N, C-alpha and C. Protein backbone atom coordinates (compact mmCIF):
# COMPACT_ATOMS: atom_id res chain seq x y z
N MET A 1 0.82 -1.19 0.00
CA MET A 1 0.00 0.00 0.00
C MET A 1 0.87 1.26 0.00
N LYS A 2 1.93 1.21 0.78
CA LYS A 2 2.79 2.36 0.88
C LYS A 2 3.48 2.65 -0.45
N LYS A 3 3.98 1.61 -1.14
CA LYS A 3 4.64 1.79 -2.42
C LYS A 3 3.68 2.37 -3.45
N ARG A 4 2.48 1.92 -3.45
CA ARG A 4 1.49 2.38 -4.42
C ARG A 4 1.22 3.88 -4.21
N THR A 5 1.10 4.32 -2.98
CA THR A 5 0.86 5.73 -2.67
C THR A 5 2.05 6.58 -3.11
N LEU A 6 3.27 6.10 -2.84
CA LEU A 6 4.46 6.86 -3.21
C LEU A 6 4.59 6.99 -4.72
N LEU A 7 4.18 6.00 -5.47
CA LEU A 7 4.21 6.08 -6.93
C LEU A 7 3.08 6.92 -7.49
N THR A 8 1.93 6.86 -6.86
CA THR A 8 0.76 7.57 -7.35
C THR A 8 0.94 9.08 -7.27
N ILE A 9 1.52 9.58 -6.21
CA ILE A 9 1.67 11.03 -6.03
C ILE A 9 2.51 11.65 -7.14
N PRO A 10 3.73 11.14 -7.44
CA PRO A 10 4.50 11.74 -8.54
C PRO A 10 3.79 11.64 -9.87
N LEU A 11 3.10 10.53 -10.14
CA LEU A 11 2.39 10.37 -11.40
C LEU A 11 1.26 11.38 -11.53
N LEU A 12 0.55 11.65 -10.45
CA LEU A 12 -0.51 12.65 -10.47
C LEU A 12 0.05 14.05 -10.71
N LEU A 13 1.19 14.33 -10.08
CA LEU A 13 1.82 15.63 -10.28
C LEU A 13 2.25 15.82 -11.72
N ILE A 14 2.86 14.80 -12.32
CA ILE A 14 3.28 14.87 -13.72
C ILE A 14 2.08 15.04 -14.63
N ALA A 15 1.03 14.29 -14.39
CA ALA A 15 -0.18 14.38 -15.20
C ALA A 15 -0.79 15.77 -15.09
N GLY A 16 -0.78 16.34 -13.91
CA GLY A 16 -1.32 17.68 -13.70
C GLY A 16 -0.51 18.73 -14.43
N LEU A 17 0.80 18.61 -14.42
CA LEU A 17 1.65 19.55 -15.13
C LEU A 17 1.48 19.42 -16.63
N ALA A 18 1.34 18.21 -17.12
CA ALA A 18 1.20 17.99 -18.56
C ALA A 18 -0.13 18.54 -19.07
N SER A 19 -1.17 18.49 -18.25
CA SER A 19 -2.48 18.97 -18.71
C SER A 19 -2.62 20.48 -18.56
N ALA A 20 -1.68 21.13 -17.91
CA ALA A 20 -1.78 22.57 -17.70
C ALA A 20 -1.70 23.32 -19.03
N GLY A 21 -0.93 22.81 -19.99
CA GLY A 21 -0.83 23.45 -21.30
C GLY A 21 0.04 24.69 -21.27
N PRO A 22 0.34 25.21 -22.47
CA PRO A 22 1.19 26.39 -22.54
C PRO A 22 0.45 27.64 -22.09
N GLN A 23 1.19 28.58 -21.60
CA GLN A 23 0.62 29.85 -21.16
C GLN A 23 0.34 30.73 -22.38
N ASP A 24 -0.75 31.46 -22.34
CA ASP A 24 -1.09 32.35 -23.44
C ASP A 24 -0.30 33.66 -23.37
N THR A 25 0.14 34.03 -22.19
CA THR A 25 0.83 35.30 -21.99
C THR A 25 2.32 35.07 -21.85
N VAL A 26 3.08 35.82 -22.64
CA VAL A 26 4.53 35.75 -22.54
C VAL A 26 5.00 37.01 -21.84
N HIS A 27 5.76 36.84 -20.80
CA HIS A 27 6.28 37.98 -20.05
C HIS A 27 7.74 38.18 -20.40
N SER A 28 8.13 39.41 -20.55
CA SER A 28 9.54 39.72 -20.78
C SER A 28 9.86 41.06 -20.15
N ILE A 29 11.12 41.26 -19.92
CA ILE A 29 11.57 42.54 -19.39
C ILE A 29 12.70 43.06 -20.28
N ALA A 30 12.84 44.34 -20.32
CA ALA A 30 13.93 44.97 -21.07
C ALA A 30 14.90 45.58 -20.06
N LEU A 31 16.09 45.06 -20.03
CA LEU A 31 17.09 45.59 -19.12
C LEU A 31 17.78 46.79 -19.75
N PRO A 32 18.14 47.78 -18.94
CA PRO A 32 18.82 48.94 -19.51
C PRO A 32 20.24 48.56 -19.94
N THR A 33 20.71 49.22 -20.97
CA THR A 33 22.08 49.01 -21.42
C THR A 33 22.99 49.86 -20.56
N ILE A 34 23.91 49.23 -19.90
CA ILE A 34 24.86 49.96 -19.06
C ILE A 34 26.23 49.77 -19.68
N ARG A 35 26.81 50.85 -20.12
CA ARG A 35 28.11 50.79 -20.77
C ARG A 35 29.18 51.16 -19.76
N THR A 36 30.15 50.28 -19.61
CA THR A 36 31.28 50.56 -18.73
C THR A 36 32.28 51.40 -19.51
N GLU A 37 32.64 52.53 -18.96
CA GLU A 37 33.59 53.43 -19.60
C GLU A 37 34.93 53.28 -18.92
N LEU A 38 35.92 52.88 -19.70
CA LEU A 38 37.28 52.78 -19.17
C LEU A 38 37.91 54.17 -19.12
N LYS A 39 38.89 54.31 -18.25
CA LYS A 39 39.60 55.58 -18.13
C LYS A 39 40.36 55.88 -19.41
N ALA A 40 40.48 57.17 -19.73
CA ALA A 40 41.21 57.60 -20.92
C ALA A 40 42.69 57.29 -20.75
N GLY A 41 43.33 56.95 -21.84
CA GLY A 41 44.76 56.69 -21.80
C GLY A 41 45.21 55.91 -23.02
N GLU A 42 46.50 55.91 -23.24
CA GLU A 42 47.06 55.17 -24.37
C GLU A 42 46.81 53.69 -24.19
N GLY A 43 46.20 53.07 -25.18
CA GLY A 43 45.87 51.64 -25.13
C GLY A 43 44.42 51.36 -24.77
N LYS A 44 43.65 52.42 -24.47
CA LYS A 44 42.25 52.23 -24.09
C LYS A 44 41.46 51.53 -25.20
N GLU A 45 41.64 51.98 -26.44
CA GLU A 45 40.85 51.43 -27.54
C GLU A 45 41.15 49.94 -27.75
N LYS A 46 42.44 49.59 -27.73
CA LYS A 46 42.82 48.17 -27.89
C LYS A 46 42.23 47.35 -26.75
N THR A 47 42.33 47.88 -25.54
CA THR A 47 41.82 47.17 -24.36
C THR A 47 40.31 46.97 -24.48
N GLU A 48 39.59 48.03 -24.82
CA GLU A 48 38.13 47.90 -24.97
C GLU A 48 37.77 46.88 -26.04
N THR A 49 38.40 47.00 -27.18
CA THR A 49 38.06 46.14 -28.31
C THR A 49 38.40 44.67 -28.04
N LEU A 50 39.62 44.42 -27.61
CA LEU A 50 40.07 43.03 -27.47
C LEU A 50 39.56 42.36 -26.21
N CYS A 51 39.47 43.08 -25.12
CA CYS A 51 39.00 42.45 -23.87
C CYS A 51 37.49 42.22 -23.90
N ALA A 52 36.75 43.18 -24.48
CA ALA A 52 35.29 43.06 -24.52
C ALA A 52 34.82 41.98 -25.49
N THR A 53 35.73 41.43 -26.28
CA THR A 53 35.38 40.33 -27.17
C THR A 53 34.91 39.13 -26.35
N CYS A 54 35.49 38.96 -25.17
CA CYS A 54 35.19 37.78 -24.35
C CYS A 54 34.42 38.07 -23.07
N HIS A 55 34.56 39.26 -22.52
CA HIS A 55 33.91 39.54 -21.24
C HIS A 55 33.58 41.01 -21.10
N SER A 56 32.76 41.30 -20.12
CA SER A 56 32.37 42.68 -19.83
C SER A 56 33.59 43.47 -19.34
N LEU A 57 33.61 44.74 -19.67
CA LEU A 57 34.70 45.59 -19.19
C LEU A 57 34.61 45.83 -17.68
N ASP A 58 33.49 45.46 -17.09
CA ASP A 58 33.36 45.53 -15.62
C ASP A 58 34.43 44.69 -14.94
N TYR A 59 34.86 43.62 -15.60
CA TYR A 59 35.89 42.76 -15.00
C TYR A 59 37.19 43.53 -14.80
N ILE A 60 37.41 44.55 -15.61
CA ILE A 60 38.61 45.37 -15.46
C ILE A 60 38.40 46.38 -14.34
N THR A 61 37.29 47.10 -14.39
CA THR A 61 37.08 48.20 -13.46
C THR A 61 36.84 47.76 -12.02
N MET A 62 36.42 46.53 -11.81
CA MET A 62 36.16 46.09 -10.44
C MET A 62 37.35 45.37 -9.80
N GLN A 63 38.47 45.31 -10.50
CA GLN A 63 39.68 44.70 -9.93
C GLN A 63 40.33 45.67 -8.95
N PRO A 64 41.00 45.14 -7.96
CA PRO A 64 41.79 46.04 -7.11
C PRO A 64 42.97 46.55 -7.94
N ARG A 65 43.63 47.57 -7.47
CA ARG A 65 44.82 48.08 -8.17
C ARG A 65 45.89 47.00 -8.10
N LEU A 66 46.32 46.55 -9.27
CA LEU A 66 47.27 45.44 -9.35
C LEU A 66 48.62 45.92 -9.88
N PRO A 67 49.69 45.29 -9.43
CA PRO A 67 51.02 45.63 -9.97
C PRO A 67 51.17 45.07 -11.39
N VAL A 68 52.17 45.56 -12.10
CA VAL A 68 52.39 45.16 -13.49
C VAL A 68 52.52 43.65 -13.62
N ALA A 69 53.16 43.00 -12.67
CA ALA A 69 53.32 41.53 -12.74
C ALA A 69 51.96 40.83 -12.74
N GLN A 70 51.03 41.33 -11.96
CA GLN A 70 49.71 40.69 -11.89
C GLN A 70 48.90 40.96 -13.15
N TRP A 71 48.97 42.19 -13.70
CA TRP A 71 48.28 42.48 -14.95
C TRP A 71 48.88 41.65 -16.08
N THR A 72 50.19 41.49 -16.07
CA THR A 72 50.86 40.67 -17.10
C THR A 72 50.37 39.23 -17.01
N ALA A 73 50.34 38.69 -15.81
CA ALA A 73 49.87 37.31 -15.61
C ALA A 73 48.41 37.16 -16.04
N THR A 74 47.60 38.15 -15.74
CA THR A 74 46.18 38.09 -16.10
C THR A 74 45.99 38.11 -17.61
N VAL A 75 46.67 39.04 -18.28
CA VAL A 75 46.55 39.12 -19.75
C VAL A 75 47.08 37.84 -20.40
N ASN A 76 48.21 37.35 -19.90
CA ASN A 76 48.77 36.10 -20.46
C ASN A 76 47.83 34.92 -20.24
N LYS A 77 47.15 34.88 -19.10
CA LYS A 77 46.17 33.81 -18.84
C LYS A 77 45.02 33.90 -19.84
N MET A 78 44.58 35.11 -20.11
CA MET A 78 43.49 35.29 -21.07
C MET A 78 43.89 34.76 -22.45
N ILE A 79 45.16 34.97 -22.82
CA ILE A 79 45.64 34.53 -24.13
C ILE A 79 45.91 33.02 -24.14
N LYS A 80 46.70 32.54 -23.19
CA LYS A 80 47.17 31.15 -23.22
C LYS A 80 46.16 30.14 -22.71
N VAL A 81 45.38 30.51 -21.70
CA VAL A 81 44.44 29.56 -21.11
C VAL A 81 43.03 29.73 -21.70
N MET A 82 42.60 30.98 -21.82
CA MET A 82 41.23 31.24 -22.27
C MET A 82 41.12 31.38 -23.79
N GLY A 83 42.26 31.51 -24.49
CA GLY A 83 42.25 31.55 -25.94
C GLY A 83 41.95 32.91 -26.57
N ALA A 84 42.17 33.98 -25.82
CA ALA A 84 41.91 35.32 -26.37
C ALA A 84 42.81 35.56 -27.58
N PRO A 85 42.25 36.04 -28.67
CA PRO A 85 43.02 36.27 -29.90
C PRO A 85 43.78 37.61 -29.85
N ILE A 86 44.79 37.68 -29.01
CA ILE A 86 45.56 38.91 -28.82
C ILE A 86 47.01 38.62 -29.15
N ASN A 87 47.59 39.41 -30.08
CA ASN A 87 49.00 39.20 -30.42
C ASN A 87 49.90 39.86 -29.37
N GLU A 88 51.19 39.58 -29.44
CA GLU A 88 52.14 40.04 -28.41
C GLU A 88 52.20 41.56 -28.32
N ASP A 89 52.19 42.25 -29.45
CA ASP A 89 52.25 43.71 -29.45
C ASP A 89 51.02 44.30 -28.76
N ASP A 90 49.85 43.79 -29.10
CA ASP A 90 48.62 44.27 -28.46
C ASP A 90 48.59 43.92 -26.98
N ALA A 91 49.10 42.74 -26.63
CA ALA A 91 49.15 42.34 -25.22
C ALA A 91 49.98 43.33 -24.42
N GLN A 92 51.11 43.76 -24.96
CA GLN A 92 51.96 44.72 -24.26
C GLN A 92 51.26 46.07 -24.10
N LYS A 93 50.52 46.49 -25.13
CA LYS A 93 49.76 47.75 -25.04
C LYS A 93 48.68 47.65 -23.97
N ILE A 94 48.00 46.51 -23.92
CA ILE A 94 46.94 46.32 -22.93
C ILE A 94 47.53 46.29 -21.52
N ILE A 95 48.61 45.57 -21.34
CA ILE A 95 49.26 45.51 -20.02
C ILE A 95 49.71 46.90 -19.58
N GLY A 96 50.29 47.66 -20.51
CA GLY A 96 50.72 49.02 -20.18
C GLY A 96 49.55 49.90 -19.78
N TYR A 97 48.47 49.79 -20.52
CA TYR A 97 47.27 50.58 -20.22
C TYR A 97 46.70 50.19 -18.85
N LEU A 98 46.52 48.90 -18.63
CA LEU A 98 45.94 48.43 -17.36
C LEU A 98 46.81 48.82 -16.17
N THR A 99 48.12 48.73 -16.34
CA THR A 99 49.03 49.09 -15.26
C THR A 99 48.95 50.58 -14.96
N MET A 100 48.92 51.39 -16.01
CA MET A 100 48.89 52.84 -15.82
C MET A 100 47.56 53.32 -15.24
N GLN A 101 46.46 52.78 -15.74
CA GLN A 101 45.15 53.29 -15.35
C GLN A 101 44.52 52.55 -14.17
N TYR A 102 44.85 51.26 -14.01
CA TYR A 102 44.19 50.44 -12.98
C TYR A 102 45.21 49.69 -12.13
N GLY A 103 46.44 50.16 -12.13
CA GLY A 103 47.48 49.44 -11.39
C GLY A 103 48.09 50.23 -10.27
N THR A 104 48.99 49.58 -9.59
CA THR A 104 49.69 50.22 -8.47
C THR A 104 50.75 51.18 -8.98
N GLN A 105 51.03 51.15 -10.28
CA GLN A 105 52.00 52.04 -10.92
C GLN A 105 51.63 53.50 -10.65
N ASN A 106 50.33 53.76 -10.59
CA ASN A 106 49.87 55.14 -10.47
C ASN A 106 48.83 55.22 -9.36
N GLU A 107 49.24 55.02 -8.14
CA GLU A 107 48.32 54.97 -6.99
C GLU A 107 47.50 56.22 -6.81
N GLY A 108 48.00 57.37 -7.19
CA GLY A 108 47.29 58.62 -6.96
C GLY A 108 46.07 58.80 -7.84
N ARG A 109 46.00 58.12 -8.97
CA ARG A 109 44.85 58.27 -9.89
C ARG A 109 43.73 57.33 -9.50
N ARG A 110 42.55 57.82 -9.52
CA ARG A 110 41.37 56.97 -9.23
C ARG A 110 40.36 57.11 -10.29
């Protein structure tokens, strides 16, 4: 008796869901477009273009101020591990930009 009751409940639930049918009303929301603006500086355009290919620029702006070694390691990880299509010259420009604008190189700038 107990087994029959345990089997009957899930079957009734499934049957009830199947008979509910599709909803006539479709609900949707429109989220606002929020554009992250990077700080002005040499290399900004390369950084915006190449980094935003894979992720939001928020990932840059929400990082703590990092030293050049950490920005270098991060950019290299994006290229070697994550497969970012960035050549060596562009990587150096991005690292320089990130270090100058978001690194410990320039602590006084916020």
